[in-house]
Amino acid sequence: MKMPGRAPNASLQLDYVRDTLFGPVAQSVECQCQLAALNLQGRPGLRLHICPPLPDKVDRAHSVAFVWDGRSYHGVVRDKGKCGDGGLNLLLELQ
């Protein structure tokens, strides 16, 4: 996924949940990200580009939460893709 017009990097505390054989596992990590607002068929969304190095198993996340610019965000991962820079793009449908 290409991300035209990305904002500058922001240091975010990402809280994400992934499923395992033993149930959901919550993880939290601070990483460098870039955000871009999206419209997902009339619903609010974000494209979250996580810069390398990638947090442990973030590519398996099904939901992500973080605070940016004083506002809390929570989204369900609708799509994901690796980037040429070694990063990861997550397409989030905001809840």
N, C-alpha and C. Protein backbone atom coordinates (compact mmCIF):
# COMPACT_ATOMS: atom_id res chain seq x y z
N MET A 1 0.84 -1.18 0.00
CA MET A 1 0.00 0.00 0.00
C MET A 1 0.89 1.24 0.00
N LYS A 2 0.66 2.13 -0.90
CA LYS A 2 1.40 3.39 -0.92
C LYS A 2 0.65 4.42 -0.11
N MET A 3 1.41 5.34 0.50
CA MET A 3 0.79 6.34 1.35
C MET A 3 1.19 7.74 0.91
N PRO A 4 0.52 8.28 -0.09
CA PRO A 4 0.86 9.64 -0.48
C PRO A 4 0.44 10.63 0.60
N GLY A 5 1.24 11.66 0.77
CA GLY A 5 0.89 12.73 1.70
C GLY A 5 0.92 12.34 3.15
N ARG A 6 1.80 11.43 3.54
CA ARG A 6 1.89 11.04 4.95
C ARG A 6 2.41 12.20 5.79
N ALA A 7 1.97 12.22 7.03
CA ALA A 7 2.43 13.22 7.99
C ALA A 7 3.83 12.84 8.49
N PRO A 8 4.52 13.75 9.14
CA PRO A 8 5.81 13.41 9.73
C PRO A 8 5.66 12.33 10.80
N ASN A 9 6.76 11.64 11.09
CA ASN A 9 6.74 10.58 12.11
C ASN A 9 6.29 11.14 13.45
N ALA A 10 5.52 10.31 14.16
CA ALA A 10 5.10 10.62 15.52
C ALA A 10 5.42 9.41 16.39
N SER A 11 5.89 9.64 17.59
CA SER A 11 6.14 8.56 18.52
C SER A 11 4.84 8.25 19.25
N LEU A 12 4.31 7.03 19.06
CA LEU A 12 3.03 6.64 19.64
C LEU A 12 3.20 5.42 20.53
N GLN A 13 2.40 5.35 21.56
CA GLN A 13 2.30 4.16 22.40
C GLN A 13 1.15 3.35 21.81
N LEU A 14 1.47 2.28 21.06
CA LEU A 14 0.46 1.44 20.44
C LEU A 14 0.06 0.31 21.38
N ASP A 15 -1.22 0.16 21.57
CA ASP A 15 -1.77 -0.99 22.28
C ASP A 15 -2.50 -1.81 21.23
N TYR A 16 -2.13 -3.07 21.08
CA TYR A 16 -2.77 -3.89 20.06
C TYR A 16 -3.08 -5.27 20.60
N VAL A 17 -4.07 -5.90 19.96
CA VAL A 17 -4.52 -7.22 20.36
C VAL A 17 -4.40 -8.14 19.15
N ARG A 18 -3.87 -9.34 19.41
CA ARG A 18 -3.77 -10.35 18.37
C ARG A 18 -4.31 -11.65 18.95
N ASP A 19 -4.80 -12.52 18.08
CA ASP A 19 -5.34 -13.81 18.52
C ASP A 19 -4.25 -14.87 18.47
N THR A 20 -4.30 -15.78 19.44
CA THR A 20 -3.41 -16.94 19.49
C THR A 20 -4.26 -18.17 19.76
N LEU A 21 -3.65 -19.32 19.78
CA LEU A 21 -4.36 -20.56 20.12
C LEU A 21 -4.93 -20.53 21.53
N PHE A 22 -4.33 -19.70 22.38
CA PHE A 22 -4.74 -19.62 23.78
C PHE A 22 -5.65 -18.43 24.06
N GLY A 23 -6.11 -17.76 23.02
CA GLY A 23 -6.99 -16.61 23.18
C GLY A 23 -6.29 -15.32 22.82
N PRO A 24 -6.98 -14.19 22.99
CA PRO A 24 -6.40 -12.90 22.64
C PRO A 24 -5.22 -12.53 23.53
N VAL A 25 -4.22 -11.90 22.94
CA VAL A 25 -3.05 -11.43 23.67
C VAL A 25 -2.91 -9.94 23.41
N ALA A 26 -2.88 -9.15 24.48
CA ALA A 26 -2.70 -7.70 24.37
C ALA A 26 -1.23 -7.37 24.52
N GLN A 27 -0.75 -6.45 23.68
CA GLN A 27 0.63 -5.99 23.76
C GLN A 27 0.64 -4.48 23.65
N SER A 28 1.69 -3.88 24.17
CA SER A 28 1.84 -2.43 24.14
C SER A 28 3.29 -2.11 23.84
N VAL A 29 3.51 -1.15 22.94
CA VAL A 29 4.87 -0.81 22.54
C VAL A 29 4.90 0.64 22.05
N GLU A 30 6.02 1.30 22.27
CA GLU A 30 6.21 2.64 21.72
C GLU A 30 6.97 2.51 20.41
N CYS A 31 6.46 3.16 19.37
CA CYS A 31 7.12 3.08 18.06
C CYS A 31 6.84 4.36 17.26
N GLN A 32 7.60 4.49 16.18
CA GLN A 32 7.44 5.62 15.27
C GLN A 32 6.38 5.27 14.22
N CYS A 33 5.43 6.17 14.03
CA CYS A 33 4.32 5.94 13.10
C CYS A 33 4.03 7.19 12.29
N GLN A 34 3.31 6.99 11.21
CA GLN A 34 2.77 8.08 10.42
C GLN A 34 1.29 7.80 10.24
N LEU A 35 0.47 8.85 10.27
CA LEU A 35 -0.98 8.71 10.20
C LEU A 35 -1.54 9.47 9.01
N ALA A 36 -2.58 8.91 8.41
CA ALA A 36 -3.30 9.59 7.34
C ALA A 36 -4.78 9.27 7.50
N ALA A 37 -5.61 10.30 7.51
CA ALA A 37 -7.06 10.12 7.66
C ALA A 37 -7.64 9.56 6.36
N LEU A 38 -8.65 8.69 6.50
CA LEU A 38 -9.32 8.07 5.36
C LEU A 38 -10.83 8.10 5.55
N ASN A 39 -11.53 7.95 4.45
CA ASN A 39 -12.98 7.77 4.47
C ASN A 39 -13.23 6.37 3.94
N LEU A 40 -13.75 5.49 4.78
CA LEU A 40 -14.02 4.10 4.39
C LEU A 40 -15.51 3.94 4.13
N GLN A 41 -15.93 4.26 2.92
CA GLN A 41 -17.34 4.17 2.53
C GLN A 41 -18.23 4.92 3.51
N GLY A 42 -17.85 6.15 3.82
CA GLY A 42 -18.62 6.99 4.71
C GLY A 42 -18.29 6.84 6.19
N ARG A 43 -17.40 5.92 6.52
CA ARG A 43 -17.00 5.70 7.92
C ARG A 43 -15.59 6.22 8.11
N PRO A 44 -15.29 6.75 9.31
CA PRO A 44 -13.95 7.28 9.55
C PRO A 44 -12.91 6.16 9.64
N GLY A 45 -11.74 6.45 9.09
CA GLY A 45 -10.66 5.48 9.13
C GLY A 45 -9.31 6.17 9.17
N LEU A 46 -8.29 5.38 9.40
CA LEU A 46 -6.91 5.86 9.41
C LEU A 46 -6.02 4.85 8.71
N ARG A 47 -5.03 5.36 8.03
CA ARG A 47 -3.95 4.51 7.55
C ARG A 47 -2.79 4.77 8.48
N LEU A 48 -2.35 3.74 9.18
CA LEU A 48 -1.28 3.83 10.15
C LEU A 48 -0.05 3.14 9.57
N HIS A 49 1.00 3.92 9.32
CA HIS A 49 2.25 3.36 8.82
C HIS A 49 3.18 3.24 10.02
N ILE A 50 3.56 2.00 10.35
CA ILE A 50 4.48 1.74 11.46
C ILE A 50 5.87 1.62 10.87
N CYS A 51 6.76 2.50 11.31
CA CYS A 51 8.13 2.54 10.78
C CYS A 51 8.97 1.44 11.41
N PRO A 52 9.95 0.93 10.65
CA PRO A 52 10.84 -0.09 11.23
C PRO A 52 11.70 0.50 12.33
N PRO A 53 12.13 -0.30 13.29
CA PRO A 53 11.87 -1.73 13.43
C PRO A 53 10.44 -1.99 13.91
N LEU A 54 9.84 -3.05 13.38
CA LEU A 54 8.45 -3.37 13.72
C LEU A 54 8.35 -4.02 15.10
N PRO A 55 7.31 -3.64 15.85
CA PRO A 55 7.05 -4.30 17.13
C PRO A 55 6.75 -5.79 16.93
N ASP A 56 6.96 -6.58 17.96
CA ASP A 56 6.76 -8.01 17.91
C ASP A 56 5.33 -8.38 17.50
N LYS A 57 5.20 -9.07 16.40
CA LYS A 57 3.94 -9.64 15.90
C LYS A 57 2.83 -8.61 15.68
N VAL A 58 3.19 -7.34 15.45
CA VAL A 58 2.17 -6.33 15.18
C VAL A 58 1.45 -6.62 13.87
N ASP A 59 2.10 -7.36 12.97
CA ASP A 59 1.46 -7.72 11.71
C ASP A 59 0.28 -8.66 11.89
N ARG A 60 0.11 -9.23 13.08
CA ARG A 60 -1.02 -10.12 13.39
C ARG A 60 -2.11 -9.41 14.19
N ALA A 61 -1.97 -8.12 14.41
CA ALA A 61 -2.94 -7.36 15.21
C ALA A 61 -4.30 -7.33 14.52
N HIS A 62 -5.37 -7.44 15.32
CA HIS A 62 -6.71 -7.27 14.76
C HIS A 62 -7.39 -6.01 15.28
N SER A 63 -6.82 -5.41 16.32
CA SER A 63 -7.30 -4.10 16.78
C SER A 63 -6.12 -3.33 17.36
N VAL A 64 -6.22 -2.00 17.24
CA VAL A 64 -5.14 -1.11 17.66
C VAL A 64 -5.75 0.09 18.37
N ALA A 65 -5.11 0.53 19.45
CA ALA A 65 -5.53 1.73 20.17
C ALA A 65 -4.30 2.58 20.48
N PHE A 66 -4.49 3.90 20.45
CA PHE A 66 -3.39 4.82 20.75
C PHE A 66 -3.95 6.20 21.02
N VAL A 67 -3.13 7.05 21.61
CA VAL A 67 -3.48 8.46 21.82
C VAL A 67 -2.57 9.29 20.93
N TRP A 68 -3.19 10.19 20.16
CA TRP A 68 -2.42 11.05 19.28
C TRP A 68 -3.00 12.46 19.37
N ASP A 69 -2.13 13.40 19.60
CA ASP A 69 -2.51 14.81 19.67
C ASP A 69 -3.62 15.03 20.70
N GLY A 70 -3.55 14.30 21.84
CA GLY A 70 -4.50 14.47 22.93
C GLY A 70 -5.82 13.75 22.75
N ARG A 71 -5.96 12.98 21.67
CA ARG A 71 -7.22 12.29 21.40
C ARG A 71 -6.98 10.78 21.34
N SER A 72 -7.90 10.01 21.92
CA SER A 72 -7.80 8.54 21.90
C SER A 72 -8.42 7.99 20.62
N TYR A 73 -7.73 7.02 20.03
CA TYR A 73 -8.21 6.35 18.83
C TYR A 73 -8.24 4.84 19.09
N HIS A 74 -9.25 4.18 18.54
CA HIS A 74 -9.35 2.72 18.59
C HIS A 74 -9.89 2.27 17.24
N GLY A 75 -9.21 1.31 16.65
CA GLY A 75 -9.66 0.84 15.34
C GLY A 75 -9.49 -0.64 15.15
N VAL A 76 -10.32 -1.18 14.26
CA VAL A 76 -10.24 -2.57 13.86
C VAL A 76 -9.43 -2.61 12.57
N VAL A 77 -8.48 -3.52 12.50
CA VAL A 77 -7.63 -3.64 11.32
C VAL A 77 -8.44 -4.27 10.19
N ARG A 78 -8.60 -3.53 9.09
CA ARG A 78 -9.35 -4.02 7.93
C ARG A 78 -8.43 -4.53 6.83
N ASP A 79 -7.19 -4.03 6.80
CA ASP A 79 -6.23 -4.46 5.79
C ASP A 79 -4.84 -4.15 6.31
N LYS A 80 -3.84 -4.87 5.82
CA LYS A 80 -2.46 -4.62 6.22
C LYS A 80 -1.56 -5.00 5.07
N GLY A 81 -0.38 -4.38 5.04
CA GLY A 81 0.58 -4.69 3.99
C GLY A 81 1.97 -4.22 4.36
N LYS A 82 2.97 -5.02 3.99
CA LYS A 82 4.37 -4.65 4.22
C LYS A 82 4.77 -3.58 3.21
N CYS A 83 5.70 -2.73 3.61
CA CYS A 83 6.17 -1.63 2.76
C CYS A 83 7.60 -1.88 2.32
N GLY A 84 8.00 -1.21 1.28
CA GLY A 84 9.36 -1.32 0.77
C GLY A 84 10.40 -0.82 1.74
N ASP A 85 10.01 0.06 2.66
CA ASP A 85 10.97 0.60 3.64
C ASP A 85 11.12 -0.32 4.86
N GLY A 86 10.47 -1.49 4.83
CA GLY A 86 10.52 -2.41 5.97
C GLY A 86 9.43 -2.16 6.99
N GLY A 87 8.62 -1.15 6.75
CA GLY A 87 7.52 -0.82 7.67
C GLY A 87 6.27 -1.62 7.36
N LEU A 88 5.19 -1.25 8.02
CA LEU A 88 3.91 -1.93 7.87
C LEU A 88 2.80 -0.90 7.83
N ASN A 89 1.88 -1.05 6.88
CA ASN A 89 0.70 -0.20 6.81
C ASN A 89 -0.49 -0.98 7.35
N LEU A 90 -1.23 -0.35 8.27
CA LEU A 90 -2.48 -0.91 8.77
C LEU A 90 -3.61 0.02 8.39
N LEU A 91 -4.65 -0.50 7.78
CA LEU A 91 -5.85 0.25 7.45
C LEU A 91 -6.84 0.02 8.59
N LEU A 92 -7.14 1.08 9.34
CA LEU A 92 -7.98 0.96 10.54
C LEU A 92 -9.35 1.57 10.31
N GLU A 93 -10.38 0.82 10.66
CA GLU A 93 -11.73 1.36 10.71
C GLU A 93 -11.94 1.82 12.14
N LEU A 94 -12.11 3.12 12.34
CA LEU A 94 -12.21 3.67 13.68
C LEU A 94 -13.54 3.30 14.32
N GLN A 95 -13.49 3.03 15.61
CA GLN A 95 -14.67 2.62 16.38
C GLN A 95 -15.10 3.76 17.28
